[in-house]
């Protein structure tokens, strides 16, 4: 799940991303957030505590986007974890 802005991605050659899993999660928010996407092949969760910087070359095609409300929840969860 890419969380960085397109301008950052283009200028830096990297993206900031959070891991996604299809394995049911025991930990709830703020460590994970279930995605409400109709385009993902399986029920999925974002692992908010697993933030990575990746080369744009490692990122595949766009599968789906999340709502502004879901993005806000991801950022709130990250803020809660890092204080």
PDB file of N, CA and C in Angstrom:
ATOM      1  N   UNK A   1       0.856  -1.154   0.000  1.00  0.00           N
ATOM      2  CA  UNK A   1       0.000   0.000   0.000  1.00  0.00           C
ATOM      3  C   UNK A   1       0.907   1.222   0.000  1.00  0.00           C
ATOM      4  N   UNK A   2       0.957   1.935  -1.111  1.00  0.00           N
ATOM      5  CA  UNK A   2       1.774   3.141  -1.213  1.00  0.00           C
ATOM      6  C   UNK A   2       1.043   4.275  -0.507  1.00  0.00           C
ATOM      7  N   UNK A   3       1.733   4.941   0.416  1.00  0.00           N
ATOM      8  CA  UNK A   3       1.113   6.040   1.157  1.00  0.00           C
ATOM      9  C   UNK A   3       1.722   7.394   0.813  1.00  0.00           C
ATOM     10  N   UNK A   4       2.829   7.422   0.092  1.00  0.00           N
ATOM     11  CA  UNK A   4       3.470   8.699  -0.247  1.00  0.00           C
ATOM     12  C   UNK A   4       2.802   9.326  -1.472  1.00  0.00           C
ATOM     13  N   UNK A   5       2.931  10.656  -1.565  1.00  0.00           N
ATOM     14  CA  UNK A   5       2.340  11.417  -2.663  1.00  0.00           C
ATOM     15  C   UNK A   5       3.081  11.152  -3.975  1.00  0.00           C
ATOM     16  N   UNK A   6       2.365  11.275  -5.079  1.00  0.00           N
ATOM     17  CA  UNK A   6       2.950  11.063  -6.408  1.00  0.00           C
ATOM     18  C   UNK A   6       4.148  11.975  -6.659  1.00  0.00           C
ATOM     19  N   UNK A   7       4.070  13.227  -6.213  1.00  0.00           N
ATOM     20  CA  UNK A   7       5.178  14.168  -6.428  1.00  0.00           C
ATOM     21  C   UNK A   7       6.445  13.657  -5.739  1.00  0.00           C
ATOM     22  N   UNK A   8       6.307  13.186  -4.494  1.00  0.00           N
ATOM     23  CA  UNK A   8       7.446  12.619  -3.772  1.00  0.00           C
ATOM     24  C   UNK A   8       7.995  11.419  -4.531  1.00  0.00           C
ATOM     25  N   UNK A   9       7.114  10.550  -4.967  1.00  0.00           N
ATOM     26  CA  UNK A   9       7.526   9.321  -5.652  1.00  0.00           C
ATOM     27  C   UNK A   9       8.313   9.636  -6.922  1.00  0.00           C
ATOM     28  N   UNK A  10       7.811  10.592  -7.707  1.00  0.00           N
ATOM     29  CA  UNK A  10       8.461  10.952  -8.966  1.00  0.00           C
ATOM     30  C   UNK A  10       9.823  11.593  -8.740  1.00  0.00           C
ATOM     31  N   UNK A  11       9.904  12.475  -7.758  1.00  0.00           N
ATOM     32  CA  UNK A  11      11.158  13.213  -7.535  1.00  0.00           C
ATOM     33  C   UNK A  11      12.219  12.399  -6.827  1.00  0.00           C
ATOM     34  N   UNK A  12      11.798  11.483  -5.950  1.00  0.00           N
ATOM     35  CA  UNK A  12      12.780  10.732  -5.161  1.00  0.00           C
ATOM     36  C   UNK A  12      13.152   9.396  -5.803  1.00  0.00           C
ATOM     37  N   UNK A  13      12.283   8.893  -6.674  1.00  0.00           N
ATOM     38  CA  UNK A  13      12.526   7.570  -7.239  1.00  0.00           C
ATOM     39  C   UNK A  13      12.186   6.448  -6.275  1.00  0.00           C
ATOM     40  N   UNK A  14      11.550   6.816  -5.157  1.00  0.00           N
ATOM     41  CA  UNK A  14      11.131   5.835  -4.155  1.00  0.00           C
ATOM     42  C   UNK A  14       9.674   6.076  -3.777  1.00  0.00           C
ATOM     43  N   UNK A  15       9.095   5.092  -3.117  1.00  0.00           N
ATOM     44  CA  UNK A  15       7.758   5.235  -2.533  1.00  0.00           C
ATOM     45  C   UNK A  15       7.831   4.819  -1.074  1.00  0.00           C
ATOM     46  N   UNK A  16       6.948   5.362  -0.275  1.00  0.00           N
ATOM     47  CA  UNK A  16       6.798   4.935   1.109  1.00  0.00           C
ATOM     48  C   UNK A  16       5.553   4.062   1.138  1.00  0.00           C
ATOM     49  N   UNK A  17       5.695   2.838   1.654  1.00  0.00           N
ATOM     50  CA  UNK A  17       4.598   1.875   1.592  1.00  0.00           C
ATOM     51  C   UNK A  17       4.422   1.146   2.915  1.00  0.00           C
ATOM     52  N   UNK A  18       3.216   0.607   3.104  1.00  0.00           N
ATOM     53  CA  UNK A  18       2.901  -0.257   4.234  1.00  0.00           C
ATOM     54  C   UNK A  18       2.570  -1.635   3.684  1.00  0.00           C
ATOM     55  N   UNK A  19       2.931  -2.666   4.431  1.00  0.00           N
ATOM     56  CA  UNK A  19       2.674  -4.036   4.005  1.00  0.00           C
ATOM     57  C   UNK A  19       1.180  -4.345   4.035  1.00  0.00           C
ATOM     58  N   UNK A  20       0.756  -5.213   3.107  1.00  0.00           N
ATOM     59  CA  UNK A  20      -0.620  -5.716   3.067  1.00  0.00           C
ATOM     60  C   UNK A  20      -0.564  -7.232   3.201  1.00  0.00           C
ATOM     61  N   UNK A  21      -1.515  -7.786   3.940  1.00  0.00           N
ATOM     62  CA  UNK A  21      -1.597  -9.235   4.101  1.00  0.00           C
ATOM     63  C   UNK A  21      -3.033  -9.702   3.912  1.00  0.00           C
ATOM     64  N   UNK A  22      -3.182 -10.932   3.476  1.00  0.00           N
ATOM     65  CA  UNK A  22      -4.507 -11.530   3.382  1.00  0.00           C
ATOM     66  C   UNK A  22      -4.750 -12.504   4.538  1.00  0.00           C
ATOM     67  N   UNK A  23      -3.764 -12.625   5.426  1.00  0.00           N
ATOM     68  CA  UNK A  23      -3.911 -13.495   6.590  1.00  0.00           C
ATOM     69  C   UNK A  23      -4.674 -12.754   7.685  1.00  0.00           C
ATOM     70  N   UNK A  24      -5.715 -13.359   8.246  1.00  0.00           N
ATOM     71  CA  UNK A  24      -6.467 -12.696   9.324  1.00  0.00           C
ATOM     72  C   UNK A  24      -5.528 -12.251  10.441  1.00  0.00           C
ATOM     73  N   UNK A  25      -5.772 -11.063  10.952  1.00  0.00           N
ATOM     74  CA  UNK A  25      -4.896 -10.457  11.952  1.00  0.00           C
ATOM     75  C   UNK A  25      -5.528 -10.492  13.336  1.00  0.00           C
ATOM     76  N   UNK A  26      -4.731 -10.866  14.325  1.00  0.00           N
ATOM     77  CA  UNK A  26      -5.197 -10.844  15.717  1.00  0.00           C
ATOM     78  C   UNK A  26      -5.176  -9.432  16.265  1.00  0.00           C
ATOM     79  N   UNK A  27      -4.167  -8.678  15.854  1.00  0.00           N
ATOM     80  CA  UNK A  27      -4.049  -7.302  16.325  1.00  0.00           C
ATOM     81  C   UNK A  27      -4.978  -6.412  15.513  1.00  0.00           C
ATOM     82  N   UNK A  28      -5.680  -5.555  16.192  1.00  0.00           N
ATOM     83  CA  UNK A  28      -6.568  -4.616  15.510  1.00  0.00           C
ATOM     84  C   UNK A  28      -5.912  -3.263  15.373  1.00  0.00           C
ATOM     85  N   UNK A  29      -6.719  -2.258  15.148  1.00  0.00           N
ATOM     86  CA  UNK A  29      -6.232  -0.896  15.009  1.00  0.00           C
ATOM     87  C   UNK A  29      -5.572  -0.483  16.321  1.00  0.00           C
ATOM     88  N   UNK A  30      -4.431   0.159  16.358  1.00  0.00           N
ATOM     89  CA  UNK A  30      -3.736   0.844  15.284  1.00  0.00           C
ATOM     90  C   UNK A  30      -2.684   0.005  14.567  1.00  0.00           C
ATOM     91  N   UNK A  31      -2.522  -1.274  14.903  1.00  0.00           N
ATOM     92  CA  UNK A  31      -1.479  -2.069  14.240  1.00  0.00           C
ATOM     93  C   UNK A  31      -1.897  -2.543  12.854  1.00  0.00           C
ATOM     94  N   UNK A  32      -3.184  -2.786  12.673  1.00  0.00           N
ATOM     95  CA  UNK A  32      -3.681  -3.201  11.360  1.00  0.00           C
ATOM     96  C   UNK A  32      -4.991  -2.491  11.055  1.00  0.00           C
ATOM     97  N   UNK A  33      -5.310  -2.416   9.774  1.00  0.00           N
ATOM     98  CA  UNK A  33      -6.580  -1.847   9.339  1.00  0.00           C
ATOM     99  C   UNK A  33      -7.105  -2.697   8.203  1.00  0.00           C
ATOM    100  N   UNK A  34      -8.324  -3.209   8.362  1.00  0.00           N
ATOM    101  CA  UNK A  34      -8.914  -4.004   7.292  1.00  0.00           C
ATOM    102  C   UNK A  34      -9.313  -3.078   6.146  1.00  0.00           C
ATOM    103  N   UNK A  35      -8.986  -3.502   4.930  1.00  0.00           N
ATOM    104  CA  UNK A  35      -9.328  -2.714   3.746  1.00  0.00           C
ATOM    105  C   UNK A  35     -10.725  -3.067   3.268  1.00  0.00           C
ATOM    106  N   UNK A  36     -11.448  -2.058   2.847  1.00  0.00           N
ATOM    107  CA  UNK A  36     -12.791  -2.255   2.295  1.00  0.00           C
ATOM    108  C   UNK A  36     -12.736  -2.068   0.799  1.00  0.00           C
ATOM    109  N   UNK A  37     -12.045  -2.968   0.137  1.00  0.00           N
ATOM    110  CA  UNK A  37     -11.852  -2.872  -1.301  1.00  0.00           C
ATOM    111  C   UNK A  37     -12.593  -3.995  -2.001  1.00  0.00           C
ATOM    112  N   UNK A  38     -13.281  -3.653  -3.041  1.00  0.00           N
ATOM    113  CA  UNK A  38     -13.942  -4.671  -3.827  1.00  0.00           C
ATOM    114  C   UNK A  38     -13.053  -5.234  -4.918  1.00  0.00           C
ATOM    115  N   UNK A  39     -11.868  -4.642  -5.100  1.00  0.00           N
ATOM    116  CA  UNK A  39     -11.002  -5.058  -6.210  1.00  0.00           C
ATOM    117  C   UNK A  39      -9.870  -5.989  -5.791  1.00  0.00           C
ATOM    118  N   UNK A  40      -9.626  -6.125  -4.501  1.00  0.00           N
ATOM    119  CA  UNK A  40      -8.586  -7.054  -4.059  1.00  0.00           C
ATOM    120  C   UNK A  40      -9.142  -8.473  -4.100  1.00  0.00           C
ATOM    121  N   UNK A  41      -8.310  -9.451  -4.478  1.00  0.00           N
ATOM    122  CA  UNK A  41      -8.821 -10.811  -4.643  1.00  0.00           C
ATOM    123  C   UNK A  41      -9.222 -11.496  -3.338  1.00  0.00           C
ATOM    124  N   UNK A  42      -8.688 -11.027  -2.206  1.00  0.00           N
ATOM    125  CA  UNK A  42      -8.983 -11.635  -0.910  1.00  0.00           C
ATOM    126  C   UNK A  42      -9.231 -10.539   0.117  1.00  0.00           C
ATOM    127  N   UNK A  43      -9.845 -10.919   1.215  1.00  0.00           N
ATOM    128  CA  UNK A  43      -9.980 -10.022   2.366  1.00  0.00           C
ATOM    129  C   UNK A  43      -8.560  -9.637   2.791  1.00  0.00           C
ATOM    130  N   UNK A  44      -8.313  -8.332   3.012  1.00  0.00           N
ATOM    131  CA  UNK A  44      -6.932  -7.881   3.238  1.00  0.00           C
ATOM    132  C   UNK A  44      -6.840  -6.847   4.350  1.00  0.00           C
ATOM    133  N   UNK A  45      -5.658  -6.805   4.976  1.00  0.00           N
ATOM    134  CA  UNK A  45      -5.357  -5.861   6.038  1.00  0.00           C
ATOM    135  C   UNK A  45      -4.054  -5.149   5.724  1.00  0.00           C
ATOM    136  N   UNK A  46      -3.979  -3.868   6.091  1.00  0.00           N
ATOM    137  CA  UNK A  46      -2.729  -3.120   6.029  1.00  0.00           C
ATOM    138  C   UNK A  46      -2.057  -3.275   7.380  1.00  0.00           C
ATOM    139  N   UNK A  47      -0.767  -3.632   7.355  1.00  0.00           N
ATOM    140  CA  UNK A  47       0.017  -3.746   8.585  1.00  0.00           C
ATOM    141  C   UNK A  47       0.700  -2.389   8.804  1.00  0.00           C
ATOM    142  N   UNK A  48       0.048  -1.546   9.565  1.00  0.00           N
ATOM    143  CA  UNK A  48       0.461  -0.149   9.721  1.00  0.00           C
ATOM    144  C   UNK A  48       1.871  -0.027  10.296  1.00  0.00           C
ATOM    145  N   UNK A  49       2.279  -0.956  11.128  1.00  0.00           N
ATOM    146  CA  UNK A  49       3.602  -0.864  11.745  1.00  0.00           C
ATOM    147  C   UNK A  49       4.724  -1.304  10.807  1.00  0.00           C
ATOM    148  N   UNK A  50       4.391  -1.831   9.636  1.00  0.00           N
ATOM    149  CA  UNK A  50       5.417  -2.295   8.697  1.00  0.00           C
ATOM    150  C   UNK A  50       5.535  -1.305   7.540  1.00  0.00           C
ATOM    151  N   UNK A  51       6.300  -0.241   7.789  1.00  0.00           N
ATOM    152  CA  UNK A  51       6.515   0.826   6.818  1.00  0.00           C
ATOM    153  C   UNK A  51       7.856   0.595   6.132  1.00  0.00           C
ATOM    154  N   UNK A  52       7.875   0.730   4.818  1.00  0.00           N
ATOM    155  CA  UNK A  52       9.095   0.514   4.035  1.00  0.00           C
ATOM    156  C   UNK A  52       9.258   1.597   2.991  1.00  0.00           C
ATOM    157  N   UNK A  53      10.497   1.857   2.613  1.00  0.00           N
ATOM    158  CA  UNK A  53      10.791   2.702   1.462  1.00  0.00           C
ATOM    159  C   UNK A  53      11.288   1.775   0.355  1.00  0.00           C
ATOM    160  N   UNK A  54      10.643   1.863  -0.802  1.00  0.00           N
ATOM    161  CA  UNK A  54      10.956   0.980  -1.920  1.00  0.00           C
ATOM    162  C   UNK A  54      11.274   1.791  -3.162  1.00  0.00           C
ATOM    163  N   UNK A  55      12.096   1.251  -4.030  1.00  0.00           N
ATOM    164  CA  UNK A  55      12.344   1.851  -5.326  1.00  0.00           C
ATOM    165  C   UNK A  55      11.060   1.790  -6.146  1.00  0.00           C
ATOM    166  N   UNK A  56      10.784   2.851  -6.908  1.00  0.00           N
ATOM    167  CA  UNK A  56       9.586   2.837  -7.757  1.00  0.00           C
ATOM    168  C   UNK A  56       9.642   1.683  -8.754  1.00  0.00           C
ATOM    169  N   UNK A  57      10.833   1.216  -9.066  1.00  0.00           N
ATOM    170  CA  UNK A  57      10.988   0.097  -9.993  1.00  0.00           C
ATOM    171  C   UNK A  57      10.439  -1.210  -9.428  1.00  0.00           C
ATOM    172  N   UNK A  58      10.323  -1.305  -8.106  1.00  0.00           N
ATOM    173  CA  UNK A  58       9.816  -2.524  -7.472  1.00  0.00           C
ATOM    174  C   UNK A  58       8.297  -2.534  -7.352  1.00  0.00           C
ATOM    175  N   UNK A  59       7.668  -1.423  -7.672  1.00  0.00           N
ATOM    176  CA  UNK A  59       6.221  -1.304  -7.517  1.00  0.00           C
ATOM    177  C   UNK A  59       5.545  -1.726  -8.818  1.00  0.00           C
ATOM    178  N   UNK A  60       4.566  -2.592  -8.693  1.00  0.00           N
ATOM    179  CA  UNK A  60       3.829  -3.073  -9.866  1.00  0.00           C
ATOM    180  C   UNK A  60       2.718  -2.119 -10.255  1.00  0.00           C
ATOM    181  N   UNK A  61       1.782  -2.652 -10.995  1.00  0.00           N
ATOM    182  CA  UNK A  61       0.669  -1.830 -11.472  1.00  0.00           C
ATOM    183  C   UNK A  61      -0.309  -1.509 -10.337  1.00  0.00           C
ATOM    184  N   UNK A  62      -1.024  -0.430 -10.507  1.00  0.00           N
ATOM    185  CA  UNK A  62      -2.035  -0.008  -9.551  1.00  0.00           C
ATOM    186  C   UNK A  62      -3.185  -1.002  -9.558  1.00  0.00           C
ATOM    187  N   UNK A  63      -3.548  -1.497  -8.382  1.00  0.00           N
ATOM    188  CA  UNK A  63      -4.664  -2.436  -8.264  1.00  0.00           C
ATOM    189  C   UNK A  63      -5.923  -1.701  -7.823  1.00  0.00           C
ATOM    190  N   UNK A  64      -5.772  -0.815  -6.855  1.00  0.00           N
ATOM    191  CA  UNK A  64      -6.926  -0.129  -6.288  1.00  0.00           C
ATOM    192  C   UNK A  64      -6.443   1.085  -5.509  1.00  0.00           C
ATOM    193  N   UNK A  65      -7.348   1.937  -5.123  1.00  0.00           N
ATOM    194  CA  UNK A  65      -7.051   3.059  -4.248  1.00  0.00           C
ATOM    195  C   UNK A  65      -7.964   2.970  -3.035  1.00  0.00           C
ATOM    196  N   UNK A  66      -7.588   3.668  -1.981  1.00  0.00           N
ATOM    197  CA  UNK A  66      -8.440   3.689  -0.791  1.00  0.00           C
ATOM    198  C   UNK A  66      -9.078   5.060  -0.668  1.00  0.00           C
ATOM    199  N   UNK A  67     -10.101   5.125   0.135  1.00  0.00           N
ATOM    200  CA  UNK A  67     -10.819   6.382   0.336  1.00  0.00           C
ATOM    201  C   UNK A  67      -9.988   7.333   1.202  1.00  0.00           C
ATOM    202  N   UNK A  68     -10.273   8.624   1.122  1.00  0.00           N
ATOM    203  CA  UNK A  68      -9.584   9.570   2.013  1.00  0.00           C
ATOM    204  C   UNK A  68      -9.791   9.219   3.493  1.00  0.00           C
ATOM    205  N   UNK A  69     -10.944   8.667   3.818  1.00  0.00           N
ATOM    206  CA  UNK A  69     -11.215   8.288   5.211  1.00  0.00           C
ATOM    207  C   UNK A  69     -10.303   7.142   5.655  1.00  0.00           C
ATOM    208  N   UNK A  70     -10.111   6.150   4.764  1.00  0.00           N
ATOM    209  CA  UNK A  70      -9.204   5.045   5.099  1.00  0.00           C
ATOM    210  C   UNK A  70      -7.768   5.535   5.213  1.00  0.00           C
ATOM    211  N   UNK A  71      -7.351   6.427   4.324  1.00  0.00           N
ATOM    212  CA  UNK A  71      -5.990   6.978   4.411  1.00  0.00           C
ATOM    213  C   UNK A  71      -5.813   7.733   5.720  1.00  0.00           C
ATOM    214  N   UNK A  72      -6.818   8.478   6.118  1.00  0.00           N
ATOM    215  CA  UNK A  72      -6.761   9.205   7.385  1.00  0.00           C
ATOM    216  C   UNK A  72      -6.613   8.235   8.555  1.00  0.00           C
ATOM    217  N   UNK A  73      -7.315   7.103   8.513  1.00  0.00           N
ATOM    218  CA  UNK A  73      -7.193   6.096   9.572  1.00  0.00           C
ATOM    219  C   UNK A  73      -5.788   5.505   9.605  1.00  0.00           C
ATOM    220  N   UNK A  74      -5.195   5.262   8.425  1.00  0.00           N
ATOM    221  CA  UNK A  74      -3.822   4.739   8.376  1.00  0.00           C
ATOM    222  C   UNK A  74      -2.852   5.711   9.031  1.00  0.00           C
ATOM    223  N   UNK A  75      -2.983   6.990   8.698  1.00  0.00           N
ATOM    224  CA  UNK A  75      -2.093   8.008   9.261  1.00  0.00           C
ATOM    225  C   UNK A  75      -2.335   8.141  10.764  1.00  0.00           C
ATOM    226  N   UNK A  76      -3.602   8.102  11.195  1.00  0.00           N
ATOM    227  CA  UNK A  76      -3.908   8.146  12.635  1.00  0.00           C
ATOM    228  C   UNK A  76      -3.272   6.957  13.359  1.00  0.00           C
ATOM    229  N   UNK A  77      -3.366   5.771  12.760  1.00  0.00           N
ATOM    230  CA  UNK A  77      -2.767   4.585  13.373  1.00  0.00           C
ATOM    231  C   UNK A  77      -1.256   4.716  13.477  1.00  0.00           C
ATOM    232  N   UNK A  78      -0.629   5.216  12.426  1.00  0.00           N
ATOM    233  CA  UNK A  78       0.825   5.414  12.440  1.00  0.00           C
ATOM    234  C   UNK A  78       1.200   6.429  13.516  1.00  0.00           C
ATOM    235  N   UNK A  79       0.456   7.528  13.611  1.00  0.00           N
ATOM    236  CA  UNK A  79       0.715   8.535  14.649  1.00  0.00           C
ATOM    237  C   UNK A  79       0.550   7.955  16.045  1.00  0.00           C
ATOM    238  N   UNK A  80      -0.421   7.079  16.219  1.00  0.00           N
ATOM    239  CA  UNK A  80      -0.634   6.457  17.532  1.00  0.00           C
ATOM    240  C   UNK A  80       0.525   5.531  17.900  1.00  0.00           C
ATOM    241  N   UNK A  81       1.057   4.832  16.910  1.00  0.00           N
ATOM    242  CA  UNK A  81       2.168   3.913  17.163  1.00  0.00           C
ATOM    243  C   UNK A  81       3.453   4.666  17.492  1.00  0.00           C
ATOM    244  N   UNK A  82       3.749   5.733  16.724  1.00  0.00           N
ATOM    245  CA  UNK A  82       5.024   6.426  16.927  1.00  0.00           C
ATOM    246  C   UNK A  82       4.919   7.575  17.923  1.00  0.00           C
ATOM    247  N   UNK A  83       3.706   7.950  18.285  1.00  0.00           N
ATOM    248  CA  UNK A  83       3.491   8.980  19.306  1.00  0.00           C
ATOM    249  C   UNK A  83       3.824  10.326  18.812  1.00  0.00           C
TER     250      UNK A  83
END
